[in-house]
PDB file of all heavy atoms in Angstrom:
ATOM      1  N   VAL A   1      21.617   4.542   9.551  1.00  0.00           N
ATOM      2  CA  VAL A   1      22.095   5.901   9.276  1.00  0.00           C
ATOM      3  C   VAL A   1      23.490   6.080   9.876  1.00  0.00           C
ATOM      4  O   VAL A   1      23.650   5.950  11.092  1.00  0.00           O
ATOM      5  CB  VAL A   1      21.150   6.966   9.873  1.00  0.00           C
ATOM      6  CG1 VAL A   1      21.687   8.362   9.596  1.00  0.00           C
ATOM      7  CG2 VAL A   1      19.739   6.820   9.325  1.00  0.00           C
ATOM      8  N   PRO A   2      24.505   6.373   9.070  1.00  0.00           N
ATOM      9  CA  PRO A   2      25.827   6.666   9.643  1.00  0.00           C
ATOM     10  C   PRO A   2      25.810   8.030  10.311  1.00  0.00           C
ATOM     11  O   PRO A   2      25.388   9.018   9.706  1.00  0.00           O
ATOM     12  CB  PRO A   2      26.751   6.648   8.418  1.00  0.00           C
ATOM     13  CG  PRO A   2      25.866   6.946   7.257  1.00  0.00           C
ATOM     14  CD  PRO A   2      24.513   6.407   7.588  1.00  0.00           C
ATOM     15  N   GLN A   3      26.223   8.093  11.546  1.00  0.00           N
ATOM     16  CA  GLN A   3      26.199   9.361  12.260  1.00  0.00           C
ATOM     17  C   GLN A   3      27.317   9.401  13.294  1.00  0.00           C
ATOM     18  O   GLN A   3      27.849   8.355  13.695  1.00  0.00           O
ATOM     19  CB  GLN A   3      24.850   9.588  12.931  1.00  0.00           C
ATOM     20  CG  GLN A   3      24.419   8.503  13.886  1.00  0.00           C
ATOM     21  CD  GLN A   3      23.081   8.790  14.535  1.00  0.00           C
ATOM     22  OE1 GLN A   3      22.707   9.942  14.740  1.00  0.00           O
ATOM     23  NE2 GLN A   3      22.340   7.740  14.850  1.00  0.00           N
ATOM     24  N   PRO A   4      27.690  10.597  13.757  1.00  0.00           N
ATOM     25  CA  PRO A   4      28.792  10.740  14.710  1.00  0.00           C
ATOM     26  C   PRO A   4      28.597   9.928  15.990  1.00  0.00           C
ATOM     27  O   PRO A   4      29.554   9.401  16.539  1.00  0.00           O
ATOM     28  CB  PRO A   4      28.799  12.241  15.003  1.00  0.00           C
ATOM     29  CG  PRO A   4      28.195  12.868  13.790  1.00  0.00           C
ATOM     30  CD  PRO A   4      27.174  11.906  13.298  1.00  0.00           C
ATOM     31  N   TYR A   5      27.368   9.844  16.471  1.00  0.00           N
ATOM     32  CA  TYR A   5      27.077   9.091  17.695  1.00  0.00           C
ATOM     33  C   TYR A   5      27.638   7.674  17.614  1.00  0.00           C
ATOM     34  O   TYR A   5      28.291   7.197  18.552  1.00  0.00           O
ATOM     35  CB  TYR A   5      25.563   9.063  17.906  1.00  0.00           C
ATOM     36  CG  TYR A   5      25.090   8.228  19.075  1.00  0.00           C
ATOM     37  CD1 TYR A   5      25.083   8.759  20.368  1.00  0.00           C
ATOM     38  CD2 TYR A   5      24.631   6.929  18.900  1.00  0.00           C
ATOM     39  CE1 TYR A   5      24.633   8.004  21.452  1.00  0.00           C
ATOM     40  CE2 TYR A   5      24.180   6.168  19.965  1.00  0.00           C
ATOM     41  CZ  TYR A   5      24.186   6.704  21.242  1.00  0.00           C
ATOM     42  OH  TYR A   5      23.743   5.955  22.294  1.00  0.00           O
ATOM     43  N   ASN A   6      27.393   6.996  16.500  1.00  0.00           N
ATOM     44  CA  ASN A   6      27.853   5.621  16.325  1.00  0.00           C
ATOM     45  C   ASN A   6      29.379   5.538  16.411  1.00  0.00           C
ATOM     46  O   ASN A   6      29.939   4.672  17.085  1.00  0.00           O
ATOM     47  CB  ASN A   6      27.396   5.069  14.983  1.00  0.00           C
ATOM     48  CG  ASN A   6      25.907   5.227  14.744  1.00  0.00           C
ATOM     49  OD1 ASN A   6      25.162   5.642  15.616  1.00  0.00           O
ATOM     50  ND2 ASN A   6      25.471   4.900  13.546  1.00  0.00           N
ATOM     51  N   ALA A   7      30.047   6.426  15.683  1.00  0.00           N
ATOM     52  CA  ALA A   7      31.505   6.387  15.613  1.00  0.00           C
ATOM     53  C   ALA A   7      32.152   6.698  16.952  1.00  0.00           C
ATOM     54  O   ALA A   7      33.125   6.048  17.362  1.00  0.00           O
ATOM     55  CB  ALA A   7      32.000   7.375  14.554  1.00  0.00           C
ATOM     56  N   LEU A   8      31.625   7.682  17.671  1.00  0.00           N
ATOM     57  CA  LEU A   8      32.232   8.057  18.947  1.00  0.00           C
ATOM     58  C   LEU A   8      31.929   7.030  20.038  1.00  0.00           C
ATOM     59  O   LEU A   8      32.749   6.824  20.944  1.00  0.00           O
ATOM     60  CB  LEU A   8      31.763   9.453  19.354  1.00  0.00           C
ATOM     61  CG  LEU A   8      32.599  10.631  18.807  1.00  0.00           C
ATOM     62  CD1 LEU A   8      34.044  10.544  19.271  1.00  0.00           C
ATOM     63  CD2 LEU A   8      32.558  10.703  17.291  1.00  0.00           C
ATOM     64  N   LYS A   9      30.790   6.376  19.961  1.00  0.00           N
ATOM     65  CA  LYS A   9      30.520   5.291  20.910  1.00  0.00           C
ATOM     66  C   LYS A   9      31.470   4.117  20.655  1.00  0.00           C
ATOM     67  O   LYS A   9      31.888   3.430  21.587  1.00  0.00           O
ATOM     68  CB  LYS A   9      29.066   4.843  20.799  1.00  0.00           C
ATOM     69  CG  LYS A   9      28.062   5.820  21.414  1.00  0.00           C
ATOM     70  CD  LYS A   9      28.300   6.047  22.892  1.00  0.00           C
ATOM     71  CE  LYS A   9      27.186   6.834  23.536  1.00  0.00           C
ATOM     72  NZ  LYS A   9      27.472   7.160  24.971  1.00  0.00           N
ATOM     73  N   ALA A  10      31.803   3.875  19.389  1.00  0.00           N
ATOM     74  CA  ALA A  10      32.795   2.845  19.076  1.00  0.00           C
ATOM     75  C   ALA A  10      34.171   3.248  19.604  1.00  0.00           C
ATOM     76  O   ALA A  10      34.931   2.407  20.112  1.00  0.00           O
ATOM     77  CB  ALA A  10      32.850   2.610  17.569  1.00  0.00           C
ATOM     78  N   ALA A  11      34.501   4.524  19.502  1.00  0.00           N
ATOM     79  CA  ALA A  11      35.780   5.008  20.021  1.00  0.00           C
ATOM     80  C   ALA A  11      35.873   4.797  21.530  1.00  0.00           C
ATOM     81  O   ALA A  11      36.949   4.491  22.064  1.00  0.00           O
ATOM     82  CB  ALA A  11      35.955   6.486  19.681  1.00  0.00           C
ATOM     83  N   LEU A  12      34.746   4.930  22.225  1.00  0.00           N
ATOM     84  CA  LEU A  12      34.729   4.700  23.670  1.00  0.00           C
ATOM     85  C   LEU A  12      35.159   3.267  24.007  1.00  0.00           C
ATOM     86  O   LEU A  12      35.898   3.037  24.959  1.00  0.00           O
ATOM     87  CB  LEU A  12      33.321   4.929  24.213  1.00  0.00           C
ATOM     88  CG  LEU A  12      32.971   6.293  24.797  1.00  0.00           C
ATOM     89  CD1 LEU A  12      31.569   6.244  25.398  1.00  0.00           C
ATOM     90  CD2 LEU A  12      33.981   6.725  25.841  1.00  0.00           C
ATOM     91  N   ILE A  13      34.656   2.322  23.223  1.00  0.00           N
ATOM     92  CA  ILE A  13      34.986   0.917  23.470  1.00  0.00           C
ATOM     93  C   ILE A  13      36.487   0.687  23.270  1.00  0.00           C
ATOM     94  O   ILE A  13      37.142   0.010  24.073  1.00  0.00           O
ATOM     95  CB  ILE A  13      34.164   0.000  22.551  1.00  0.00           C
ATOM     96  CG1 ILE A  13      32.665   0.159  22.838  1.00  0.00           C
ATOM     97  CG2 ILE A  13      34.585  -1.448  22.724  1.00  0.00           C
ATOM     98  CD1 ILE A  13      31.762  -0.570  21.864  1.00  0.00           C
ATOM     99  N   ALA A  14      37.026   1.264  22.205  1.00  0.00           N
ATOM    100  CA  ALA A  14      38.458   1.107  21.939  1.00  0.00           C
ATOM    101  C   ALA A  14      39.298   1.755  23.044  1.00  0.00           C
ATOM    102  O   ALA A  14      40.293   1.186  23.509  1.00  0.00           O
ATOM    103  CB  ALA A  14      38.799   1.724  20.578  1.00  0.00           C
ATOM    104  N   HIS A  15      38.877   2.951  23.469  1.00  0.00           N
ATOM    105  CA  HIS A  15      39.641   3.667  24.501  1.00  0.00           C
ATOM    106  C   HIS A  15      39.571   2.926  25.840  1.00  0.00           C
ATOM    107  O   HIS A  15      40.571   2.857  26.570  1.00  0.00           O
ATOM    108  CB  HIS A  15      39.104   5.087  24.638  1.00  0.00           C
ATOM    109  CG  HIS A  15      39.923   5.962  25.541  1.00  0.00           C
ATOM    110  ND1 HIS A  15      41.290   6.046  25.451  1.00  0.00           N
ATOM    111  CD2 HIS A  15      39.555   6.784  26.573  1.00  0.00           C
ATOM    112  CE1 HIS A  15      41.743   6.895  26.369  1.00  0.00           C
ATOM    113  NE2 HIS A  15      40.714   7.337  27.069  1.00  0.00           N
ATOM    114  N   ALA A  16      38.416   2.374  26.145  1.00  0.00           N
ATOM    115  CA  ALA A  16      38.274   1.618  27.398  1.00  0.00           C
ATOM    116  C   ALA A  16      39.205   0.413  27.409  1.00  0.00           C
ATOM    117  O   ALA A  16      39.793   0.080  28.450  1.00  0.00           O
ATOM    118  CB  ALA A  16      36.826   1.170  27.582  1.00  0.00           C
ATOM    119  N   GLY A  17      39.350  -0.240  26.246  1.00  0.00           N
ATOM    120  CA  GLY A  17      40.267  -1.375  26.168  1.00  0.00           C
ATOM    121  C   GLY A  17      41.692  -0.961  26.461  1.00  0.00           C
ATOM    122  O   GLY A  17      42.416  -1.654  27.199  1.00  0.00           O
ATOM    123  N   ASP A  18      42.102   0.176  25.912  1.00  0.00           N
ATOM    124  CA  ASP A  18      43.451   0.684  26.189  1.00  0.00           C
ATOM    125  C   ASP A  18      43.623   1.037  27.665  1.00  0.00           C
ATOM    126  O   ASP A  18      44.628   0.705  28.292  1.00  0.00           O
ATOM    127  CB  ASP A  18      43.732   1.926  25.332  1.00  0.00           C
ATOM    128  CG  ASP A  18      43.898   1.600  23.862  1.00  0.00           C
ATOM    129  OD1 ASP A  18      44.050   0.407  23.528  1.00  0.00           O
ATOM    130  OD2 ASP A  18      43.851   2.535  23.037  1.00  0.00           O
ATOM    131  N   LEU A  19      42.618   1.735  28.216  1.00  0.00           N
ATOM    132  CA  LEU A  19      42.698   2.142  29.618  1.00  0.00           C
ATOM    133  C   LEU A  19      42.742   0.937  30.552  1.00  0.00           C
ATOM    134  O   LEU A  19      43.418   0.958  31.587  1.00  0.00           O
ATOM    135  CB  LEU A  19      41.499   3.023  29.985  1.00  0.00           C
ATOM    136  CG  LEU A  19      41.494   4.451  29.447  1.00  0.00           C
ATOM    137  CD1 LEU A  19      40.177   5.138  29.813  1.00  0.00           C
ATOM    138  CD2 LEU A  19      42.668   5.254  29.987  1.00  0.00           C
ATOM    139  N   SER A  20      42.018  -0.125  30.185  1.00  0.00           N
ATOM    140  CA  SER A  20      41.995  -1.305  31.053  1.00  0.00           C
ATOM    141  C   SER A  20      43.386  -1.898  31.221  1.00  0.00           C
ATOM    142  O   SER A  20      43.723  -2.433  32.288  1.00  0.00           O
ATOM    143  CB  SER A  20      41.028  -2.354  30.491  1.00  0.00           C
ATOM    144  OG  SER A  20      41.546  -2.962  29.319  1.00  0.00           O
ATOM    145  N   GLN A  21      44.199  -1.806  30.179  1.00  0.00           N
ATOM    146  CA  GLN A  21      45.567  -2.301  30.261  1.00  0.00           C
ATOM    147  C   GLN A  21      46.470  -1.318  31.006  1.00  0.00           C
ATOM    148  O   GLN A  21      47.285  -1.705  31.853  1.00  0.00           O
ATOM    149  CB  GLN A  21      46.117  -2.535  28.847  1.00  0.00           C
ATOM    150  CG  GLN A  21      45.383  -3.604  28.061  1.00  0.00           C
ATOM    151  CD  GLN A  21      45.594  -4.985  28.635  1.00  0.00           C
ATOM    152  OE1 GLN A  21      46.695  -5.346  29.038  1.00  0.00           O
ATOM    153  NE2 GLN A  21      44.530  -5.779  28.680  1.00  0.00           N
ATOM    154  N   ALA A  22      46.301  -0.037  30.692  1.00  0.00           N
ATOM    155  CA  ALA A  22      47.183   0.973  31.271  1.00  0.00           C
ATOM    156  C   ALA A  22      46.934   1.192  32.757  1.00  0.00           C
ATOM    157  O   ALA A  22      47.880   1.490  33.515  1.00  0.00           O
ATOM    158  CB  ALA A  22      47.007   2.292  30.513  1.00  0.00           C
ATOM    159  N   LEU A  23      45.695   1.067  33.212  1.00  0.00           N
ATOM    160  CA  LEU A  23      45.362   1.380  34.603  1.00  0.00           C
ATOM    161  C   LEU A  23      45.350   0.156  35.516  1.00  0.00           C
ATOM    162  O   LEU A  23      45.231   0.288  36.730  1.00  0.00           O
ATOM    163  CB  LEU A  23      44.002   2.081  34.672  1.00  0.00           C
ATOM    164  CG  LEU A  23      43.901   3.418  33.928  1.00  0.00           C
ATOM    165  CD1 LEU A  23      42.526   4.051  34.149  1.00  0.00           C
ATOM    166  CD2 LEU A  23      45.005   4.374  34.358  1.00  0.00           C
ATOM    167  N   ALA A  24      45.461  -1.027  34.946  1.00  0.00           N
ATOM    168  CA  ALA A  24      45.451  -2.238  35.767  1.00  0.00           C
ATOM    169  C   ALA A  24      46.533  -2.240  36.843  1.00  0.00           C
ATOM    170  O   ALA A  24      46.276  -2.658  37.989  1.00  0.00           O
ATOM    171  CB  ALA A  24      45.576  -3.478  34.879  1.00  0.00           C
ATOM    172  N   PRO A  25      47.762  -1.774  36.550  1.00  0.00           N
ATOM    173  CA  PRO A  25      48.785  -1.759  37.599  1.00  0.00           C
ATOM    174  C   PRO A  25      48.417  -0.879  38.797  1.00  0.00           C
ATOM    175  O   PRO A  25      48.968  -1.056  39.888  1.00  0.00           O
ATOM    176  CB  PRO A  25      50.025  -1.211  36.872  1.00  0.00           C
ATOM    177  CG  PRO A  25      49.804  -1.577  35.436  1.00  0.00           C
ATOM    178  CD  PRO A  25      48.327  -1.402  35.235  1.00  0.00           C
ATOM    179  N   GLN A  26      47.498   0.072  38.588  1.00  0.00           N
ATOM    180  CA  GLN A  26      47.056   0.933  39.686  1.00  0.00           C
ATOM    181  C   GLN A  26      45.808   0.380  40.374  1.00  0.00           C
ATOM    182  O   GLN A  26      45.227   1.027  41.242  1.00  0.00           O
ATOM    183  CB  GLN A  26      46.771   2.346  39.168  1.00  0.00           C
ATOM    184  CG  GLN A  26      47.999   3.024  38.587  1.00  0.00           C
ATOM    185  CD  GLN A  26      47.705   4.435  38.130  1.00  0.00           C
ATOM    186  OE1 GLN A  26      47.311   5.288  38.922  1.00  0.00           O
ATOM    187  NE2 GLN A  26      47.887   4.694  36.841  1.00  0.00           N
TER     188      GLN A  26
END
């Protein structure tokens, strides 16, 4: 079943990848 939960959980993974690069210097 396609639902918002699936899409937003996928967005979390993408955002975490970005944050891992941006926050590493700190």
